[in-house]
């Protein structure tokens, strides 16, 4: 069932791995602190680095 804010637990925030270092060092804590429910961050492989290597 969904909570008061319309989220169904567990809440996961998905972000690309290519942005993980920038996110964690700059805005990650602020995003999680302002998110209205408890959430975890999951990084997915977006292959951004491999595309840059091919060019």
PDB file of N, CA and C in Angstrom:
ATOM      1  N   UNK A   1       0.836  -1.192   0.000  1.00  0.00           N
ATOM      2  CA  UNK A   1       0.000   0.000   0.000  1.00  0.00           C
ATOM      3  C   UNK A   1       0.875   1.246   0.000  1.00  0.00           C
ATOM      4  N   UNK A   2       0.347   2.312  -0.537  1.00  0.00           N
ATOM      5  CA  UNK A   2       1.105   3.552  -0.631  1.00  0.00           C
ATOM      6  C   UNK A   2       0.921   4.372   0.632  1.00  0.00           C
ATOM      7  N   UNK A   3       1.982   5.106   0.987  1.00  0.00           N
ATOM      8  CA  UNK A   3       1.949   5.950   2.165  1.00  0.00           C
ATOM      9  C   UNK A   3       1.210   7.251   1.913  1.00  0.00           C
ATOM     10  N   UNK A   4       1.258   8.129   2.897  1.00  0.00           N
ATOM     11  CA  UNK A   4       0.539   9.398   2.838  1.00  0.00           C
ATOM     12  C   UNK A   4       0.981  10.271   1.670  1.00  0.00           C
ATOM     13  N   UNK A   5       2.223  10.169   1.263  1.00  0.00           N
ATOM     14  CA  UNK A   5       2.736  11.007   0.178  1.00  0.00           C
ATOM     15  C   UNK A   5       2.654  10.322  -1.178  1.00  0.00           C
ATOM     16  N   UNK A   6       2.066   9.138  -1.234  1.00  0.00           N
ATOM     17  CA  UNK A   6       1.895   8.438  -2.499  1.00  0.00           C
ATOM     18  C   UNK A   6       3.070   7.569  -2.901  1.00  0.00           C
ATOM     19  N   UNK A   7       4.014   7.355  -2.014  1.00  0.00           N
ATOM     20  CA  UNK A   7       5.170   6.511  -2.306  1.00  0.00           C
ATOM     21  C   UNK A   7       4.921   5.102  -1.795  1.00  0.00           C
ATOM     22  N   UNK A   8       5.403   4.127  -2.539  1.00  0.00           N
ATOM     23  CA  UNK A   8       5.315   2.740  -2.110  1.00  0.00           C
ATOM     24  C   UNK A   8       6.705   2.304  -1.680  1.00  0.00           C
ATOM     25  N   UNK A   9       6.814   1.782  -0.476  1.00  0.00           N
ATOM     26  CA  UNK A   9       8.120   1.389   0.060  1.00  0.00           C
ATOM     27  C   UNK A   9       8.511   0.009  -0.419  1.00  0.00           C
ATOM     28  N   UNK A  10       9.772  -0.292  -0.620  1.00  0.00           N
ATOM     29  CA  UNK A  10      10.908   0.606  -0.427  1.00  0.00           C
ATOM     30  C   UNK A  10      11.049   1.591  -1.585  1.00  0.00           C
ATOM     31  N   UNK A  11      11.427   2.817  -1.264  1.00  0.00           N
ATOM     32  CA  UNK A  11      11.621   3.860  -2.273  1.00  0.00           C
ATOM     33  C   UNK A  11      13.078   3.827  -2.712  1.00  0.00           C
ATOM     34  N   UNK A  12      13.285   3.770  -4.026  1.00  0.00           N
ATOM     35  CA  UNK A  12      14.641   3.744  -4.585  1.00  0.00           C
ATOM     36  C   UNK A  12      14.784   4.884  -5.581  1.00  0.00           C
ATOM     37  N   UNK A  13      15.873   5.609  -5.458  1.00  0.00           N
ATOM     38  CA  UNK A  13      16.199   6.650  -6.428  1.00  0.00           C
ATOM     39  C   UNK A  13      17.266   6.083  -7.348  1.00  0.00           C
ATOM     40  N   UNK A  14      17.016   6.052  -8.645  1.00  0.00           N
ATOM     41  CA  UNK A  14      17.959   5.491  -9.609  1.00  0.00           C
ATOM     42  C   UNK A  14      18.711   6.608 -10.312  1.00  0.00           C
ATOM     43  N   UNK A  15      20.035   6.494 -10.298  1.00  0.00           N
ATOM     44  CA  UNK A  15      20.896   7.484 -10.934  1.00  0.00           C
ATOM     45  C   UNK A  15      21.943   6.773 -11.782  1.00  0.00           C
ATOM     46  N   UNK A  16      22.401   7.403 -12.870  1.00  0.00           N
ATOM     47  CA  UNK A  16      23.425   6.776 -13.715  1.00  0.00           C
ATOM     48  C   UNK A  16      24.781   6.733 -13.016  1.00  0.00           C
ATOM     49  N   UNK A  17      25.512   5.642 -13.215  1.00  0.00           N
ATOM     50  CA  UNK A  17      26.839   5.507 -12.613  1.00  0.00           C
ATOM     51  C   UNK A  17      27.782   6.613 -13.060  1.00  0.00           C
ATOM     52  N   UNK A  18      27.615   7.110 -14.287  1.00  0.00           N
ATOM     53  CA  UNK A  18      28.510   8.148 -14.797  1.00  0.00           C
ATOM     54  C   UNK A  18      28.398   9.441 -13.995  1.00  0.00           C
ATOM     55  N   UNK A  19      27.315   9.617 -13.270  1.00  0.00           N
ATOM     56  CA  UNK A  19      27.113  10.830 -12.469  1.00  0.00           C
ATOM     57  C   UNK A  19      27.315  10.578 -10.979  1.00  0.00           C
ATOM     58  N   UNK A  20      27.675   9.356 -10.590  1.00  0.00           N
ATOM     59  CA  UNK A  20      27.706   9.001  -9.173  1.00  0.00           C
ATOM     60  C   UNK A  20      28.685   9.837  -8.362  1.00  0.00           C
ATOM     61  N   UNK A  21      29.907  10.023  -8.833  1.00  0.00           N
ATOM     62  CA  UNK A  21      30.895  10.775  -8.066  1.00  0.00           C
ATOM     63  C   UNK A  21      30.470  12.230  -7.911  1.00  0.00           C
ATOM     64  N   UNK A  22      30.011  12.828  -8.999  1.00  0.00           N
ATOM     65  CA  UNK A  22      29.554  14.222  -8.944  1.00  0.00           C
ATOM     66  C   UNK A  22      28.363  14.356  -8.004  1.00  0.00           C
ATOM     67  N   UNK A  23      27.432  13.436  -8.105  1.00  0.00           N
ATOM     68  CA  UNK A  23      26.239  13.484  -7.267  1.00  0.00           C
ATOM     69  C   UNK A  23      26.598  13.353  -5.797  1.00  0.00           C
ATOM     70  N   UNK A  24      27.390  12.352  -5.461  1.00  0.00           N
ATOM     71  CA  UNK A  24      27.711  12.096  -4.061  1.00  0.00           C
ATOM     72  C   UNK A  24      28.536  13.215  -3.447  1.00  0.00           C
ATOM     73  N   UNK A  25      29.420  13.822  -4.229  1.00  0.00           N
ATOM     74  CA  UNK A  25      30.271  14.862  -3.667  1.00  0.00           C
ATOM     75  C   UNK A  25      29.590  16.226  -3.620  1.00  0.00           C
ATOM     76  N   UNK A  26      28.563  16.434  -4.421  1.00  0.00           N
ATOM     77  CA  UNK A  26      27.955  17.763  -4.495  1.00  0.00           C
ATOM     78  C   UNK A  26      26.562  17.861  -3.886  1.00  0.00           C
ATOM     79  N   UNK A  27      25.636  17.035  -4.360  1.00  0.00           N
ATOM     80  CA  UNK A  27      24.245  17.272  -3.980  1.00  0.00           C
ATOM     81  C   UNK A  27      23.542  16.087  -3.329  1.00  0.00           C
ATOM     82  N   UNK A  28      24.201  14.959  -3.242  1.00  0.00           N
ATOM     83  CA  UNK A  28      23.548  13.752  -2.730  1.00  0.00           C
ATOM     84  C   UNK A  28      22.928  13.909  -1.362  1.00  0.00           C
ATOM     85  N   UNK A  29      23.676  14.468  -0.440  1.00  0.00           N
ATOM     86  CA  UNK A  29      23.169  14.621   0.923  1.00  0.00           C
ATOM     87  C   UNK A  29      21.971  15.568   0.957  1.00  0.00           C
ATOM     88  N   UNK A  30      22.027  16.643   0.177  1.00  0.00           N
ATOM     89  CA  UNK A  30      20.916  17.601   0.140  1.00  0.00           C
ATOM     90  C   UNK A  30      19.657  16.960  -0.434  1.00  0.00           C
ATOM     91  N   UNK A  31      19.821  16.161  -1.483  1.00  0.00           N
ATOM     92  CA  UNK A  31      18.658  15.507  -2.094  1.00  0.00           C
ATOM     93  C   UNK A  31      18.004  14.554  -1.107  1.00  0.00           C
ATOM     94  N   UNK A  32      18.806  13.712  -0.471  1.00  0.00           N
ATOM     95  CA  UNK A  32      18.229  12.754   0.473  1.00  0.00           C
ATOM     96  C   UNK A  32      17.620  13.449   1.681  1.00  0.00           C
ATOM     97  N   UNK A  33      18.235  14.538   2.137  1.00  0.00           N
ATOM     98  CA  UNK A  33      17.698  15.264   3.289  1.00  0.00           C
ATOM     99  C   UNK A  33      16.359  15.918   2.968  1.00  0.00           C
ATOM    100  N   UNK A  34      16.169  16.340   1.724  1.00  0.00           N
ATOM    101  CA  UNK A  34      14.930  17.019   1.357  1.00  0.00           C
ATOM    102  C   UNK A  34      13.860  16.064   0.822  1.00  0.00           C
ATOM    103  N   UNK A  35      14.220  14.801   0.605  1.00  0.00           N
ATOM    104  CA  UNK A  35      13.246  13.840   0.095  1.00  0.00           C
ATOM    105  C   UNK A  35      12.241  13.542   1.204  1.00  0.00           C
ATOM    106  N   UNK A  36      10.940  13.509   0.897  1.00  0.00           N
ATOM    107  CA  UNK A  36       9.921  13.415   1.949  1.00  0.00           C
ATOM    108  C   UNK A  36       9.805  12.055   2.644  1.00  0.00           C
ATOM    109  N   UNK A  37      10.449  11.024   2.115  1.00  0.00           N
ATOM    110  CA  UNK A  37      10.398   9.700   2.738  1.00  0.00           C
ATOM    111  C   UNK A  37      11.797   9.101   2.735  1.00  0.00           C
ATOM    112  N   UNK A  38      11.974   8.033   3.515  1.00  0.00           N
ATOM    113  CA  UNK A  38      13.256   7.341   3.517  1.00  0.00           C
ATOM    114  C   UNK A  38      13.455   6.678   2.161  1.00  0.00           C
ATOM    115  N   UNK A  39      14.652   6.857   1.591  1.00  0.00           N
ATOM    116  CA  UNK A  39      14.930   6.292   0.270  1.00  0.00           C
ATOM    117  C   UNK A  39      16.380   5.844   0.203  1.00  0.00           C
ATOM    118  N   UNK A  40      16.657   4.952  -0.727  1.00  0.00           N
ATOM    119  CA  UNK A  40      18.032   4.537  -0.988  1.00  0.00           C
ATOM    120  C   UNK A  40      18.377   4.881  -2.430  1.00  0.00           C
ATOM    121  N   UNK A  41      19.659   5.130  -2.657  1.00  0.00           N
ATOM    122  CA  UNK A  41      20.133   5.464  -3.995  1.00  0.00           C
ATOM    123  C   UNK A  41      20.702   4.208  -4.635  1.00  0.00           C
ATOM    124  N   UNK A  42      20.286   3.939  -5.853  1.00  0.00           N
ATOM    125  CA  UNK A  42      20.808   2.826  -6.641  1.00  0.00           C
ATOM    126  C   UNK A  42      21.378   3.401  -7.925  1.00  0.00           C
ATOM    127  N   UNK A  43      22.599   3.007  -8.252  1.00  0.00           N
ATOM    128  CA  UNK A  43      23.229   3.476  -9.480  1.00  0.00           C
ATOM    129  C   UNK A  43      23.108   2.407 -10.553  1.00  0.00           C
ATOM    130  N   UNK A  44      22.742   2.824 -11.757  1.00  0.00           N
ATOM    131  CA  UNK A  44      22.637   1.895 -12.878  1.00  0.00           C
ATOM    132  C   UNK A  44      23.721   2.200 -13.898  1.00  0.00           C
ATOM    133  N   UNK A  45      24.096   1.191 -14.663  1.00  0.00           N
ATOM    134  CA  UNK A  45      25.141   1.324 -15.665  1.00  0.00           C
ATOM    135  C   UNK A  45      24.548   1.978 -16.905  1.00  0.00           C
ATOM    136  N   UNK A  46      24.954   3.211 -17.166  1.00  0.00           N
ATOM    137  CA  UNK A  46      24.426   3.939 -18.319  1.00  0.00           C
ATOM    138  C   UNK A  46      25.399   3.945 -19.490  1.00  0.00           C
ATOM    139  N   UNK A  47      26.554   3.316 -19.337  1.00  0.00           N
ATOM    140  CA  UNK A  47      27.557   3.180 -20.394  1.00  0.00           C
ATOM    141  C   UNK A  47      28.010   4.511 -20.978  1.00  0.00           C
ATOM    142  N   UNK A  48      27.909   5.600 -20.244  1.00  0.00           N
ATOM    143  CA  UNK A  48      28.340   6.906 -20.747  1.00  0.00           C
ATOM    144  C   UNK A  48      29.850   6.928 -20.975  1.00  0.00           C
ATOM    145  N   UNK A  49      30.592   6.271 -20.106  1.00  0.00           N
ATOM    146  CA  UNK A  49      32.049   6.258 -20.257  1.00  0.00           C
ATOM    147  C   UNK A  49      32.480   5.470 -21.480  1.00  0.00           C
ATOM    148  N   UNK A  50      31.821   4.359 -21.774  1.00  0.00           N
ATOM    149  CA  UNK A  50      32.210   3.545 -22.922  1.00  0.00           C
ATOM    150  C   UNK A  50      31.885   4.261 -24.230  1.00  0.00           C
ATOM    151  N   UNK A  51      30.824   5.059 -24.258  1.00  0.00           N
ATOM    152  CA  UNK A  51      30.492   5.823 -25.461  1.00  0.00           C
ATOM    153  C   UNK A  51      31.539   6.886 -25.731  1.00  0.00           C
ATOM    154  N   UNK A  52      32.055   7.517 -24.672  1.00  0.00           N
ATOM    155  CA  UNK A  52      33.082   8.535 -24.840  1.00  0.00           C
ATOM    156  C   UNK A  52      34.374   7.924 -25.351  1.00  0.00           C
ATOM    157  N   UNK A  53      34.695   6.700 -24.907  1.00  0.00           N
ATOM    158  CA  UNK A  53      35.922   6.037 -25.328  1.00  0.00           C
ATOM    159  C   UNK A  53      35.892   5.682 -26.806  1.00  0.00           C
ATOM    160  N   UNK A  54      34.705   5.374 -27.338  1.00  0.00           N
ATOM    161  CA  UNK A  54      34.590   4.955 -28.730  1.00  0.00           C
ATOM    162  C   UNK A  54      34.762   6.112 -29.699  1.00  0.00           C
ATOM    163  N   UNK A  55      34.472   7.335 -29.272  1.00  0.00           N
ATOM    164  CA  UNK A  55      34.537   8.489 -30.176  1.00  0.00           C
ATOM    165  C   UNK A  55      35.946   8.964 -30.396  1.00  0.00           C
TER     166      UNK A  55
END
